[in-house]
Amino acid sequence: MGGFGTWDIITRYPGMFKTAVPVCGGGSITEAYKAEGT
């Protein structure tokens, strides 16, 4: 559930976190591009 939260944060708040380690989670494939820079 925290892996989902990690993916959500780095796509909902692009560029806020420099480094992310999501484990066995998932996110929005249409929003994934917003994680650029992380």
Full PDB file with SEQRES, HELIX, SHEET, SSBOND, CRYST1, ORIGX, SCALE, CONECT and MASTER records, all heavy atoms in Angstrom:
SEQRES   1 A   38  MET GLY GLY PHE GLY THR TRP ASP ILE ILE THR ARG TYR          
SEQRES   2 A   38  PRO GLY MET PHE LYS THR ALA VAL PRO VAL CYS GLY GLY          
SEQRES   3 A   38  GLY SER ILE THR GLU ALA TYR LYS ALA GLU GLY THR              
HELIX    1 AA1 GLY A    2  ARG A   12  1                                  11    
HELIX    2 AA2 ALA A   32  ALA A   35  5                                   4    
CRYST1    1.000    1.000    1.000  90.00  90.00  90.00 P 1           1          
ORIGX1      1.000000  0.000000  0.000000        0.00000                         
ORIGX2      0.000000  1.000000  0.000000        0.00000                         
ORIGX3      0.000000  0.000000  1.000000        0.00000                         
SCALE1      1.000000  0.000000  0.000000        0.00000                         
SCALE2      0.000000  1.000000  0.000000        0.00000                         
SCALE3      0.000000  0.000000  1.000000        0.00000                         
ATOM      1  N   MET A   1       0.836  -1.196   0.000  1.00  0.00           N  
ATOM      2  CA  MET A   1       0.000   0.000   0.000  1.00  0.00           C  
ATOM      3  C   MET A   1       0.872   1.248   0.000  1.00  0.00           C  
ATOM      4  O   MET A   1       0.538   2.265  -0.625  1.00  0.00           O  
ATOM      5  CB  MET A   1      -0.928  -0.007   1.212  1.00  0.00           C  
ATOM      6  CG  MET A   1      -1.912   1.149   1.267  1.00  0.00           C  
ATOM      7  SD  MET A   1      -2.967   1.114   2.729  1.00  0.00           S  
ATOM      8  CE  MET A   1      -1.839   1.842   3.944  1.00  0.00           C  
ATOM      9  N   GLY A   2       1.987   1.178   0.697  1.00  0.00           N  
ATOM     10  CA  GLY A   2       2.939   2.286   0.716  1.00  0.00           C  
ATOM     11  C   GLY A   2       3.698   2.424  -0.583  1.00  0.00           C  
ATOM     12  O   GLY A   2       4.192   3.508  -0.922  1.00  0.00           O  
ATOM     13  N   GLY A   3       3.800   1.312  -1.347  1.00  0.00           N  
ATOM     14  CA  GLY A   3       4.388   1.385  -2.682  1.00  0.00           C  
ATOM     15  C   GLY A   3       3.473   2.167  -3.606  1.00  0.00           C  
ATOM     16  O   GLY A   3       3.931   2.993  -4.408  1.00  0.00           O  
ATOM     17  N   PHE A   4       2.157   1.927  -3.486  1.00  0.00           N  
ATOM     18  CA  PHE A   4       1.181   2.725  -4.236  1.00  0.00           C  
ATOM     19  C   PHE A   4       1.289   4.201  -3.839  1.00  0.00           C  
ATOM     20  O   PHE A   4       1.232   5.091  -4.684  1.00  0.00           O  
ATOM     21  CB  PHE A   4      -0.240   2.214  -3.971  1.00  0.00           C  
ATOM     22  CG  PHE A   4      -0.627   1.025  -4.800  1.00  0.00           C  
ATOM     23  CD1 PHE A   4      -0.385  -0.260  -4.355  1.00  0.00           C  
ATOM     24  CD2 PHE A   4      -1.248   1.188  -6.028  1.00  0.00           C  
ATOM     25  CE1 PHE A   4      -0.750  -1.367  -5.113  1.00  0.00           C  
ATOM     26  CE2 PHE A   4      -1.615   0.098  -6.805  1.00  0.00           C  
ATOM     27  CZ  PHE A   4      -1.361  -1.191  -6.346  1.00  0.00           C  
ATOM     28  N   GLY A   5       1.451   4.434  -2.525  1.00  0.00           N  
ATOM     29  CA  GLY A   5       1.586   5.801  -2.050  1.00  0.00           C  
ATOM     30  C   GLY A   5       2.823   6.479  -2.593  1.00  0.00           C  
ATOM     31  O   GLY A   5       2.805   7.675  -2.931  1.00  0.00           O  
ATOM     32  N   THR A   6       3.901   5.716  -2.704  1.00  0.00           N  
ATOM     33  CA  THR A   6       5.147   6.265  -3.240  1.00  0.00           C  
ATOM     34  C   THR A   6       4.984   6.672  -4.697  1.00  0.00           C  
ATOM     35  O   THR A   6       5.361   7.781  -5.102  1.00  0.00           O  
ATOM     36  CB  THR A   6       6.285   5.242  -3.094  1.00  0.00           C  
ATOM     37  OG1 THR A   6       6.459   4.916  -1.712  1.00  0.00           O  
ATOM     38  CG2 THR A   6       7.599   5.791  -3.641  1.00  0.00           C  
ATOM     39  N   TRP A   7       4.401   5.775  -5.495  1.00  0.00           N  
ATOM     40  CA  TRP A   7       4.156   6.107  -6.900  1.00  0.00           C  
ATOM     41  C   TRP A   7       3.228   7.324  -7.019  1.00  0.00           C  
ATOM     42  O   TRP A   7       3.434   8.205  -7.856  1.00  0.00           O  
ATOM     43  CB  TRP A   7       3.518   4.924  -7.632  1.00  0.00           C  
ATOM     44  CG  TRP A   7       4.447   3.812  -7.996  1.00  0.00           C  
ATOM     45  CD1 TRP A   7       4.429   2.517  -7.531  1.00  0.00           C  
ATOM     46  CD2 TRP A   7       5.532   3.861  -8.934  1.00  0.00           C  
ATOM     47  NE1 TRP A   7       5.433   1.785  -8.105  1.00  0.00           N  
ATOM     48  CE2 TRP A   7       6.122   2.574  -8.976  1.00  0.00           C  
ATOM     49  CE3 TRP A   7       6.065   4.872  -9.737  1.00  0.00           C  
ATOM     50  CZ2 TRP A   7       7.211   2.279  -9.799  1.00  0.00           C  
ATOM     51  CZ3 TRP A   7       7.145   4.577 -10.547  1.00  0.00           C  
ATOM     52  CH2 TRP A   7       7.713   3.299 -10.581  1.00  0.00           C  
ATOM     53  N   ASP A   8       2.208   7.373  -6.165  1.00  0.00           N  
ATOM     54  CA  ASP A   8       1.255   8.485  -6.213  1.00  0.00           C  
ATOM     55  C   ASP A   8       1.947   9.816  -5.934  1.00  0.00           C  
ATOM     56  O   ASP A   8       1.719  10.806  -6.641  1.00  0.00           O  
ATOM     57  CB  ASP A   8       0.142   8.245  -5.183  1.00  0.00           C  
ATOM     58  CG  ASP A   8      -0.934   9.319  -5.225  1.00  0.00           C  
ATOM     59  OD1 ASP A   8      -1.666   9.391  -6.225  1.00  0.00           O  
ATOM     60  OD2 ASP A   8      -1.036  10.084  -4.254  1.00  0.00           O  
ATOM     61  N   ILE A   9       2.796   9.827  -4.929  1.00  0.00           N  
ATOM     62  CA  ILE A   9       3.467  11.068  -4.545  1.00  0.00           C  
ATOM     63  C   ILE A   9       4.392  11.579  -5.638  1.00  0.00           C  
ATOM     64  O   ILE A   9       4.396  12.771  -5.950  1.00  0.00           O  
ATOM     65  CB  ILE A   9       4.237  10.870  -3.228  1.00  0.00           C  
ATOM     66  CG1 ILE A   9       3.256  10.864  -2.043  1.00  0.00           C  
ATOM     67  CG2 ILE A   9       5.294  11.964  -3.030  1.00  0.00           C  
ATOM     68  CD1 ILE A   9       3.889  10.513  -0.712  1.00  0.00           C  
ATOM     69  N   ILE A  10       5.180  10.684  -6.243  1.00  0.00           N  
ATOM     70  CA  ILE A  10       6.175  11.169  -7.212  1.00  0.00           C  
ATOM     71  C   ILE A  10       5.542  11.545  -8.549  1.00  0.00           C  
ATOM     72  O   ILE A  10       6.194  12.204  -9.376  1.00  0.00           O  
ATOM     73  CB  ILE A  10       7.330  10.172  -7.421  1.00  0.00           C  
ATOM     74  CG1 ILE A  10       6.839   8.853  -8.027  1.00  0.00           C  
ATOM     75  CG2 ILE A  10       8.069   9.958  -6.110  1.00  0.00           C  
ATOM     76  CD1 ILE A  10       7.967   7.876  -8.356  1.00  0.00           C  
ATOM     77  N   THR A  11       4.264  11.149  -8.763  1.00  0.00           N  
ATOM     78  CA  THR A  11       3.565  11.595  -9.974  1.00  0.00           C  
ATOM     79  C   THR A  11       2.587  12.733  -9.666  1.00  0.00           C  
ATOM     80  O   THR A  11       2.337  13.587 -10.514  1.00  0.00           O  
ATOM     81  CB  THR A  11       2.811  10.426 -10.642  1.00  0.00           C  
ATOM     82  OG1 THR A  11       1.977   9.768  -9.677  1.00  0.00           O  
ATOM     83  CG2 THR A  11       3.791   9.417 -11.199  1.00  0.00           C  
ATOM     84  N   ARG A  12       2.056  12.769  -8.449  1.00  0.00           N  
ATOM     85  CA  ARG A  12       1.141  13.844  -8.059  1.00  0.00           C  
ATOM     86  C   ARG A  12       1.909  15.117  -7.703  1.00  0.00           C  
ATOM     87  O   ARG A  12       1.424  16.238  -7.913  1.00  0.00           O  
ATOM     88  CB  ARG A  12       0.297  13.410  -6.861  1.00  0.00           C  
ATOM     89  CG  ARG A  12      -0.833  14.376  -6.519  1.00  0.00           C  
ATOM     90  CD  ARG A  12      -1.631  13.876  -5.318  1.00  0.00           C  
ATOM     91  NE  ARG A  12      -2.268  12.596  -5.568  1.00  0.00           N  
ATOM     92  CZ  ARG A  12      -3.445  12.448  -6.171  1.00  0.00           C  
ATOM     93  NH1 ARG A  12      -4.115  13.519  -6.571  1.00  0.00           N  
ATOM     94  NH2 ARG A  12      -3.967  11.248  -6.364  1.00  0.00           N  
ATOM     95  N   TYR A  13       3.120  14.935  -7.159  1.00  0.00           N  
ATOM     96  CA  TYR A  13       3.965  16.072  -6.784  1.00  0.00           C  
ATOM     97  C   TYR A  13       5.306  15.952  -7.510  1.00  0.00           C  
ATOM     98  O   TYR A  13       6.338  15.649  -6.908  1.00  0.00           O  
ATOM     99  CB  TYR A  13       4.177  16.090  -5.265  1.00  0.00           C  
ATOM    100  CG  TYR A  13       2.912  16.344  -4.482  1.00  0.00           C  
ATOM    101  CD1 TYR A  13       2.127  15.288  -4.027  1.00  0.00           C  
ATOM    102  CD2 TYR A  13       2.483  17.646  -4.218  1.00  0.00           C  
ATOM    103  CE1 TYR A  13       0.941  15.516  -3.325  1.00  0.00           C  
ATOM    104  CE2 TYR A  13       1.308  17.884  -3.521  1.00  0.00           C  
ATOM    105  CZ  TYR A  13       0.547  16.814  -3.083  1.00  0.00           C  
ATOM    106  OH  TYR A  13      -0.625  17.050  -2.389  1.00  0.00           O  
ATOM    107  N   PRO A  14       5.284  16.160  -8.826  1.00  0.00           N  
ATOM    108  CA  PRO A  14       6.492  15.959  -9.639  1.00  0.00           C  
ATOM    109  C   PRO A  14       7.681  16.764  -9.121  1.00  0.00           C  
ATOM    110  O   PRO A  14       7.555  17.952  -8.814  1.00  0.00           O  
ATOM    111  CB  PRO A  14       6.072  16.447 -11.026  1.00  0.00           C  
ATOM    112  CG  PRO A  14       4.588  16.329 -11.037  1.00  0.00           C  
ATOM    113  CD  PRO A  14       4.153  16.641  -9.642  1.00  0.00           C  
ATOM    114  N   GLY A  15       8.795  16.097  -9.000  1.00  0.00           N  
ATOM    115  CA  GLY A  15      10.032  16.768  -8.629  1.00  0.00           C  
ATOM    116  C   GLY A  15      10.206  17.043  -7.156  1.00  0.00           C  
ATOM    117  O   GLY A  15      11.259  17.532  -6.742  1.00  0.00           O  
ATOM    118  N   MET A  16       9.217  16.726  -6.340  1.00  0.00           N  
ATOM    119  CA  MET A  16       9.358  17.000  -4.908  1.00  0.00           C  
ATOM    120  C   MET A  16      10.441  16.123  -4.290  1.00  0.00           C  
ATOM    121  O   MET A  16      11.282  16.604  -3.536  1.00  0.00           O  
ATOM    122  CB  MET A  16       8.029  16.785  -4.185  1.00  0.00           C  
ATOM    123  CG  MET A  16       8.117  17.008  -2.679  1.00  0.00           C  
ATOM    124  SD  MET A  16       6.502  16.870  -1.868  1.00  0.00           S  
ATOM    125  CE  MET A  16       6.988  17.102  -0.150  1.00  0.00           C  
ATOM    126  N   PHE A  17      10.395  14.830  -4.631  1.00  0.00           N  
ATOM    127  CA  PHE A  17      11.389  13.901  -4.091  1.00  0.00           C  
ATOM    128  C   PHE A  17      12.412  13.563  -5.173  1.00  0.00           C  
ATOM    129  O   PHE A  17      12.056  13.260  -6.301  1.00  0.00           O  
ATOM    130  CB  PHE A  17      10.715  12.625  -3.586  1.00  0.00           C  
ATOM    131  CG  PHE A  17       9.994  12.824  -2.279  1.00  0.00           C  
ATOM    132  CD1 PHE A  17       8.679  13.259  -2.254  1.00  0.00           C  
ATOM    133  CD2 PHE A  17      10.641  12.581  -1.072  1.00  0.00           C  
ATOM    134  CE1 PHE A  17       8.017  13.460  -1.053  1.00  0.00           C  
ATOM    135  CE2 PHE A  17       9.988  12.783   0.133  1.00  0.00           C  
ATOM    136  CZ  PHE A  17       8.673  13.222   0.143  1.00  0.00           C  
ATOM    137  N   LYS A  18      13.673  13.602  -4.784  1.00  0.00           N  
ATOM    138  CA  LYS A  18      14.748  13.312  -5.731  1.00  0.00           C  
ATOM    139  C   LYS A  18      14.912  11.815  -5.950  1.00  0.00           C  
ATOM    140  O   LYS A  18      15.284  11.366  -7.032  1.00  0.00           O  
ATOM    141  CB  LYS A  18      16.070  13.910  -5.208  1.00  0.00           C  
ATOM    142  CG  LYS A  18      17.261  13.694  -6.133  1.00  0.00           C  
ATOM    143  CD  LYS A  18      17.077  14.405  -7.462  1.00  0.00           C  
ATOM    144  CE  LYS A  18      18.299  14.268  -8.348  1.00  0.00           C  
ATOM    145  NZ  LYS A  18      18.119  14.945  -9.654  1.00  0.00           N  
ATOM    146  N   THR A  19      14.638  11.026  -4.898  1.00  0.00           N  
ATOM    147  CA  THR A  19      14.866   9.590  -4.948  1.00  0.00           C  
ATOM    148  C   THR A  19      13.634   8.853  -4.431  1.00  0.00           C  
ATOM    149  O   THR A  19      13.044   9.247  -3.430  1.00  0.00           O  
ATOM    150  CB  THR A  19      16.085   9.213  -4.090  1.00  0.00           C  
ATOM    151  OG1 THR A  19      17.246   9.880  -4.620  1.00  0.00           O  
ATOM    152  CG2 THR A  19      16.333   7.718  -4.083  1.00  0.00           C  
ATOM    153  N   ALA A  20      13.252   7.771  -5.129  1.00  0.00           N  
ATOM    154  CA  ALA A  20      12.084   6.999  -4.728  1.00  0.00           C  
ATOM    155  C   ALA A  20      12.365   5.510  -4.840  1.00  0.00           C  
ATOM    156  O   ALA A  20      12.983   5.049  -5.811  1.00  0.00           O  
ATOM    157  CB  ALA A  20      10.875   7.363  -5.583  1.00  0.00           C  
ATOM    158  N   VAL A  21      11.889   4.757  -3.830  1.00  0.00           N  
ATOM    159  CA  VAL A  21      12.041   3.300  -3.823  1.00  0.00           C  
ATOM    160  C   VAL A  21      10.672   2.675  -3.537  1.00  0.00           C  
ATOM    161  O   VAL A  21      10.347   2.360  -2.393  1.00  0.00           O  
ATOM    162  CB  VAL A  21      13.076   2.844  -2.779  1.00  0.00           C  
ATOM    163  CG1 VAL A  21      13.265   1.327  -2.849  1.00  0.00           C  
ATOM    164  CG2 VAL A  21      14.415   3.553  -2.981  1.00  0.00           C  
ATOM    165  N   PRO A  22       9.828   2.514  -4.572  1.00  0.00           N  
ATOM    166  CA  PRO A  22       8.541   1.853  -4.377  1.00  0.00           C  
ATOM    167  C   PRO A  22       8.711   0.334  -4.430  1.00  0.00           C  
ATOM    168  O   PRO A  22       9.353  -0.180  -5.349  1.00  0.00           O  
ATOM    169  CB  PRO A  22       7.691   2.349  -5.557  1.00  0.00           C  
ATOM    170  CG  PRO A  22       8.627   3.034  -6.502  1.00  0.00           C  
ATOM    171  CD  PRO A  22       9.995   3.020  -5.930  1.00  0.00           C  
ATOM    172  N   VAL A  23       8.128  -0.353  -3.451  1.00  0.00           N  
ATOM    173  CA  VAL A  23       8.259  -1.810  -3.380  1.00  0.00           C  
ATOM    174  C   VAL A  23       6.875  -2.443  -3.483  1.00  0.00           C  
ATOM    175  O   VAL A  23       5.968  -2.097  -2.726  1.00  0.00           O  
ATOM    176  CB  VAL A  23       8.946  -2.243  -2.079  1.00  0.00           C  
ATOM    177  CG1 VAL A  23       9.131  -3.757  -2.048  1.00  0.00           C  
ATOM    178  CG2 VAL A  23      10.300  -1.538  -1.910  1.00  0.00           C  
ATOM    179  N   CYS A  24       6.718  -3.368  -4.410  1.00  0.00           N  
ATOM    180  CA  CYS A  24       5.492  -4.127  -4.702  1.00  0.00           C  
ATOM    181  C   CYS A  24       4.239  -3.261  -4.640  1.00  0.00           C  
ATOM    182  O   CYS A  24       3.240  -3.618  -4.006  1.00  0.00           O  
ATOM    183  CB  CYS A  24       5.360  -5.359  -3.802  1.00  0.00           C  
ATOM    184  SG  CYS A  24       5.318  -5.121  -2.027  1.00  0.00           S  
ATOM    185  N   GLY A  25       4.303  -2.123  -5.322  1.00  0.00           N  
ATOM    186  CA  GLY A  25       3.149  -1.238  -5.434  1.00  0.00           C  
ATOM    187  C   GLY A  25       2.793  -1.039  -6.891  1.00  0.00           C  
ATOM    188  O   GLY A  25       3.236  -1.789  -7.766  1.00  0.00           O  
ATOM    189  N   GLY A  26       1.991  -0.032  -7.153  1.00  0.00           N  
ATOM    190  CA  GLY A  26       1.622   0.289  -8.526  1.00  0.00           C  
ATOM    191  C   GLY A  26       1.130   1.715  -8.590  1.00  0.00           C  
ATOM    192  O   GLY A  26       0.854   2.338  -7.561  1.00  0.00           O  
ATOM    193  N   GLY A  27       1.014   2.227  -9.784  1.00  0.00           N  
ATOM    194  CA  GLY A  27       0.588   3.612  -9.945  1.00  0.00           C  
ATOM    195  C   GLY A  27      -0.183   3.806 -11.225  1.00  0.00           C  
ATOM    196  O   GLY A  27      -0.612   2.844 -11.869  1.00  0.00           O  
ATOM    197  N   SER A  28      -0.355   5.056 -11.610  1.00  0.00           N  
ATOM    198  CA  SER A  28      -1.081   5.399 -12.831  1.00  0.00           C  
ATOM    199  C   SER A  28      -0.124   5.422 -14.020  1.00  0.00           C  
ATOM    200  O   SER A  28       0.803   6.233 -14.054  1.00  0.00           O  
ATOM    201  CB  SER A  28      -1.752   6.768 -12.689  1.00  0.00           C  
ATOM    202  OG  SER A  28      -2.301   7.178 -13.925  1.00  0.00           O  
ATOM    203  N   ILE A  29      -0.374   4.552 -14.976  1.00  0.00           N  
ATOM    204  CA  ILE A  29       0.528   4.493 -16.126  1.00  0.00           C  
ATOM    205  C   ILE A  29       0.393   5.741 -17.000  1.00  0.00           C  
ATOM    206  O   ILE A  29       1.325   6.103 -17.716  1.00  0.00           O  
ATOM    207  CB  ILE A  29       0.295   3.215 -16.963  1.00  0.00           C  
ATOM    208  CG1 ILE A  29      -1.161   3.124 -17.428  1.00  0.00           C  
ATOM    209  CG2 ILE A  29       0.686   1.982 -16.153  1.00  0.00           C  
ATOM    210  CD1 ILE A  29      -1.428   1.940 -18.357  1.00  0.00           C  
ATOM    211  N   THR A  30      -0.756   6.416 -16.938  1.00  0.00           N  
ATOM    212  CA  THR A  30      -0.920   7.631 -17.734  1.00  0.00           C  
ATOM    213  C   THR A  30      -0.264   8.839 -17.080  1.00  0.00           C  
ATOM    214  O   THR A  30      -0.063   9.861 -17.742  1.00  0.00           O  
ATOM    215  CB  THR A  30      -2.415   7.935 -17.977  1.00  0.00           C  
ATOM    216  OG1 THR A  30      -3.089   8.027 -16.716  1.00  0.00           O  
ATOM    217  CG2 THR A  30      -3.056   6.839 -18.820  1.00  0.00           C  
ATOM    218  N   GLU A  31       0.063   8.731 -15.801  1.00  0.00           N  
ATOM    219  CA  GLU A  31       0.712   9.824 -15.076  1.00  0.00           C  
ATOM    220  C   GLU A  31       2.188   9.554 -14.833  1.00  0.00           C  
ATOM    221  O   GLU A  31       2.895  10.405 -14.302  1.00  0.00           O  
ATOM    222  CB  GLU A  31       0.021  10.053 -13.730  1.00  0.00           C  
ATOM    223  CG  GLU A  31      -1.446  10.382 -13.815  1.00  0.00           C  
ATOM    224  CD  GLU A  31      -1.704  11.667 -14.585  1.00  0.00           C  
ATOM    225  OE1 GLU A  31      -1.168  12.707 -14.180  1.00  0.00           O  
ATOM    226  OE2 GLU A  31      -2.432  11.609 -15.597  1.00  0.00           O  
ATOM    227  N   ALA A  32       2.664   8.380 -15.219  1.00  0.00           N  
ATOM    228  CA  ALA A  32       4.035   7.961 -14.910  1.00  0.00           C  
ATOM    229  C   ALA A  32       5.075   8.949 -15.421  1.00  0.00           C  
ATOM    230  O   ALA A  32       6.103   9.177 -14.771  1.00  0.00           O  
ATOM    231  CB  ALA A  32       4.292   6.571 -15.494  1.00  0.00           C  
ATOM    232  N   TYR A  33       4.821   9.551 -16.559  1.00  0.00           N  
ATOM    233  CA  TYR A  33       5.795  10.469 -17.157  1.00  0.00           C  
ATOM    234  C   TYR A  33       6.132  11.646 -16.241  1.00  0.00           C  
ATOM    235  O   TYR A  33       7.187  12.269 -16.358  1.00  0.00           O  
ATOM    236  CB  TYR A  33       5.281  10.991 -18.508  1.00  0.00           C  
ATOM    237  CG  TYR A  33       4.148  11.980 -18.393  1.00  0.00           C  
ATOM    238  CD1 TYR A  33       4.397  13.358 -18.413  1.00  0.00           C  
ATOM    239  CD2 TYR A  33       2.827  11.552 -18.247  1.00  0.00           C  
ATOM    240  CE1 TYR A  33       3.359  14.273 -18.292  1.00  0.00           C  
ATOM    241  CE2 TYR A  33       1.793  12.459 -18.134  1.00  0.00           C  
ATOM    242  CZ  TYR A  33       2.055  13.809 -18.155  1.00  0.00           C  
ATOM    243  OH  TYR A  33       1.032  14.713 -18.034  1.00  0.00           O  
ATOM    244  N   LYS A  34       5.228  11.953 -15.301  1.00  0.00           N  
ATOM    245  CA  LYS A  34       5.463  13.076 -14.403  1.00  0.00           C  
ATOM    246  C   LYS A  34       6.567  12.799 -13.388  1.00  0.00           C  
ATOM    247  O   LYS A  34       7.014  13.718 -12.691  1.00  0.00           O  
ATOM    248  CB  LYS A  34       4.163  13.440 -13.675  1.00  0.00           C  
ATOM    249  CG  LYS A  34       3.086  13.993 -14.598  1.00  0.00           C  
ATOM    250  CD  LYS A  34       1.831  14.345 -13.835  1.00  0.00           C  
ATOM    251  CE  LYS A  34       0.762  14.908 -14.759  1.00  0.00           C  
ATOM    252  NZ  LYS A  34      -0.499  15.204 -14.032  1.00  0.00           N  
ATOM    253  N   ALA A  35       6.996  11.555 -13.307  1.00  0.00           N  
ATOM    254  CA  ALA A  35       8.070  11.198 -12.374  1.00  0.00           C  
ATOM    255  C   ALA A  35       9.455  11.537 -12.929  1.00  0.00           C  
ATOM    256  O   ALA A  35      10.468  11.256 -12.284  1.00  0.00           O  
ATOM    257  CB  ALA A  35       8.003   9.712 -12.027  1.00  0.00           C  
ATOM    258  N   GLU A  36       9.481  12.146 -14.089  1.00  0.00           N  
ATOM    259  CA  GLU A  36      10.771  12.534 -14.668  1.00  0.00           C  
ATOM    260  C   GLU A  36      11.518  13.443 -13.693  1.00  0.00           C  
ATOM    261  O   GLU A  36      10.943  14.356 -13.103  1.00  0.00           O  
ATOM    262  CB  GLU A  36      10.565  13.264 -15.991  1.00  0.00           C  
ATOM    263  CG  GLU A  36      11.857  13.602 -16.704  1.00  0.00           C  
ATOM    264  CD  GLU A  36      11.617  14.234 -18.064  1.00  0.00           C  
ATOM    265  OE1 GLU A  36      10.474  14.614 -18.355  1.00  0.00           O  
ATOM    266  OE2 GLU A  36      12.593  14.348 -18.832  1.00  0.00           O  
ATOM    267  N   GLY A  37      12.789  13.172 -13.515  1.00  0.00           N  
ATOM    268  CA  GLY A  37      13.601  13.956 -12.581  1.00  0.00           C  
ATOM    269  C   GLY A  37      13.768  13.278 -11.236  1.00  0.00           C  
ATOM    270  O   GLY A  37      14.572  13.719 -10.411  1.00  0.00           O  
ATOM    271  N   THR A  38      12.996  12.209 -11.005  1.00  0.00           N  
ATOM    272  CA  THR A  38      13.138  11.431  -9.773  1.00  0.00           C  
ATOM    273  C   THR A  38      13.910  10.156 -10.075  1.00  0.00           C  
ATOM    274  O   THR A  38      13.582   9.436 -11.034  1.00  0.00           O  
ATOM    275  CB  THR A  38      11.757  11.065  -9.188  1.00  0.00           C  
ATOM    276  OG1 THR A  38      11.048  12.254  -8.855  1.00  0.00           O  
ATOM    277  CG2 THR A  38      11.908  10.209  -7.937  1.00  0.00           C  
TER     278      THR A  38                                                      
MASTER        0    0    0    2    0    0    0    6  277    1    0    3          
END                                                                             
